[in-house]
Amino acid sequence: QVRLVESEGGLVQPGGSLRLSCAVSGIFFSSYTMGWYRQAPGKEREWVAGITVGGTTNYADAVKGRFTISRDNAKNTVYLQMNSLKPEDTAVYYCNTQRGSQAYWGQGTQVTVSS
């Protein structure tokens, strides 16, 4: 059974930082591309960042230069370091992987950026 479990998010002031983690089980983690998505209230879920098996990273324009995705294959965990947070980053954040045609998602974690 594939499981993705995100860490707790939280309330952060604008300009602050937060690191999310996602622990993965049920797959050979190091063989899978991992991604982070987010969904703000009233909006569709959007891709935020991805990291390949080889460690190549890609980011949505909205977070480029502020967010960093990384992975620790020894711990079967993917991270999202979020810096210089803005109110528009407020959303539920999900980690994701895909095996064939099957997509797997974590339960989501709320990140709220507000003063």
Protein backbone atom coordinates (compact mmCIF):
# COMPACT_ATOMS: atom_id res chain seq x y z
CA GLN A 1 0.00 0.00 0.00
CA VAL A 2 1.43 3.34 -1.06
CA ARG A 3 1.27 6.01 1.61
CA LEU A 4 2.33 9.64 1.56
CA VAL A 5 2.15 11.50 4.86
CA GLU A 6 2.82 15.22 5.02
CA SER A 7 4.06 16.98 8.10
CA GLU A 8 1.96 19.55 9.86
CA GLY A 9 1.80 22.96 8.21
CA GLY A 10 1.00 26.06 10.14
CA LEU A 11 0.44 29.77 10.40
CA VAL A 12 3.35 31.91 9.26
CA GLN A 13 3.76 35.65 8.99
CA PRO A 14 4.49 37.18 5.59
CA GLY A 15 8.17 36.95 4.88
CA GLY A 16 8.56 33.93 7.11
CA SER A 17 9.70 30.39 6.37
CA LEU A 18 8.32 26.92 6.77
CA ARG A 19 9.56 23.46 5.81
CA LEU A 20 7.16 20.71 4.86
CA SER A 21 8.11 17.06 4.71
CA CYS A 22 6.40 14.06 3.18
CA ALA A 23 7.22 10.54 4.30
CA VAL A 24 6.60 7.89 1.66
CA SER A 25 6.10 4.15 2.04
CA GLY A 26 4.98 1.30 -0.18
CA ILE A 27 7.16 2.16 -3.17
CA PHE A 28 10.86 2.05 -3.96
CA PHE A 29 11.15 5.74 -3.19
CA SER A 30 14.44 6.45 -4.91
CA SER A 31 12.97 5.31 -8.25
CA TYR A 32 10.16 7.87 -8.36
CA THR A 33 9.82 11.50 -9.28
CA MET A 34 8.17 13.41 -6.45
CA GLY A 35 6.17 16.59 -6.51
CA TRP A 36 4.40 19.16 -4.39
CA TYR A 37 1.05 20.69 -5.31
CA ARG A 38 -1.20 23.19 -3.57
CA GLN A 39 -4.83 24.19 -3.61
CA ALA A 40 -5.99 27.58 -2.45
CA PRO A 41 -9.62 28.23 -1.46
CA GLY A 42 -11.83 28.47 -4.51
CA LYS A 43 -9.02 27.53 -6.88
CA GLU A 44 -7.90 24.40 -8.66
CA ARG A 45 -4.99 22.35 -7.41
CA GLU A 46 -1.76 23.57 -8.98
CA TRP A 47 1.71 22.10 -9.35
CA VAL A 48 4.37 23.81 -7.22
CA ALA A 49 7.62 21.89 -7.58
CA GLY A 50 9.06 18.57 -8.67
CA ILE A 51 12.25 16.56 -8.19
CA THR A 52 13.37 13.72 -10.40
CA VAL A 53 15.11 10.49 -9.52
CA GLY A 54 18.39 12.12 -10.44
CA GLY A 55 17.72 15.18 -8.31
CA THR A 56 16.76 17.63 -11.05
CA THR A 57 14.33 20.20 -9.69
CA ASN A 58 11.68 22.34 -11.34
CA TYR A 59 9.44 25.05 -9.96
CA ALA A 60 6.32 26.95 -10.82
CA ASP A 61 7.06 30.56 -11.69
CA ALA A 62 5.09 31.74 -8.66
CA VAL A 63 7.53 30.09 -6.24
CA LYS A 64 10.80 30.09 -8.16
CA GLY A 65 13.60 31.54 -6.08
CA ARG A 66 11.63 31.20 -2.83
CA PHE A 67 10.85 27.49 -2.53
CA THR A 68 13.28 24.56 -2.62
CA ILE A 69 12.32 20.94 -3.10
CA SER A 70 14.70 18.22 -1.98
CA ARG A 71 14.70 14.53 -1.22
CA ASP A 72 16.41 12.15 1.17
CA ASN A 73 16.32 8.68 -0.32
CA ALA A 74 17.68 7.12 2.87
CA LYS A 75 14.66 8.44 4.75
CA ASN A 76 12.10 8.00 1.93
CA THR A 77 11.19 11.64 2.42
CA VAL A 78 10.68 14.66 0.20
CA TYR A 79 10.87 18.21 1.54
CA LEU A 80 9.61 21.63 0.53
CA GLN A 81 11.49 24.54 2.05
CA MET A 82 9.40 27.67 1.70
CA ASN A 83 11.01 31.07 2.26
CA SER A 84 9.79 34.64 1.83
CA LEU A 85 6.23 33.43 2.18
CA LYS A 86 3.43 35.59 0.86
CA PRO A 87 -0.29 35.63 1.69
CA GLU A 88 -0.95 34.20 -1.76
CA ASP A 89 0.98 31.08 -0.76
CA THR A 90 -1.87 30.22 1.60
CA ALA A 91 -3.19 26.83 0.54
CA VAL A 92 -3.42 23.16 1.35
CA TYR A 93 -0.17 21.57 0.23
CA TYR A 94 -0.02 18.00 -1.09
CA CYS A 95 2.87 15.74 -1.98
CA ASN A 96 2.48 13.50 -4.97
CA THR A 97 4.00 10.69 -6.94
CA GLN A 98 2.83 8.63 -9.85
CA ARG A 99 3.30 4.96 -10.70
CA GLY A 100 2.16 4.27 -14.23
CA SER A 101 -1.30 5.77 -14.61
CA GLN A 102 -1.92 5.82 -10.87
CA ALA A 103 -1.33 9.04 -8.96
CA TYR A 104 -0.78 8.96 -5.22
CA TRP A 105 -1.45 11.88 -2.89
CA GLY A 106 -0.86 12.74 0.71
CA GLN A 107 -3.66 13.92 2.94
CA GLY A 108 -2.68 17.55 2.55
CA THR A 109 -1.46 20.08 5.07
CA GLN A 110 -2.68 23.62 5.59
CA VAL A 111 -0.25 26.51 5.24
CA THR A 112 -1.59 29.92 6.12
CA VAL A 113 0.45 33.07 5.57
CA SER A 114 -1.03 35.98 7.48
CA SER A 115 -0.10 38.71 9.90
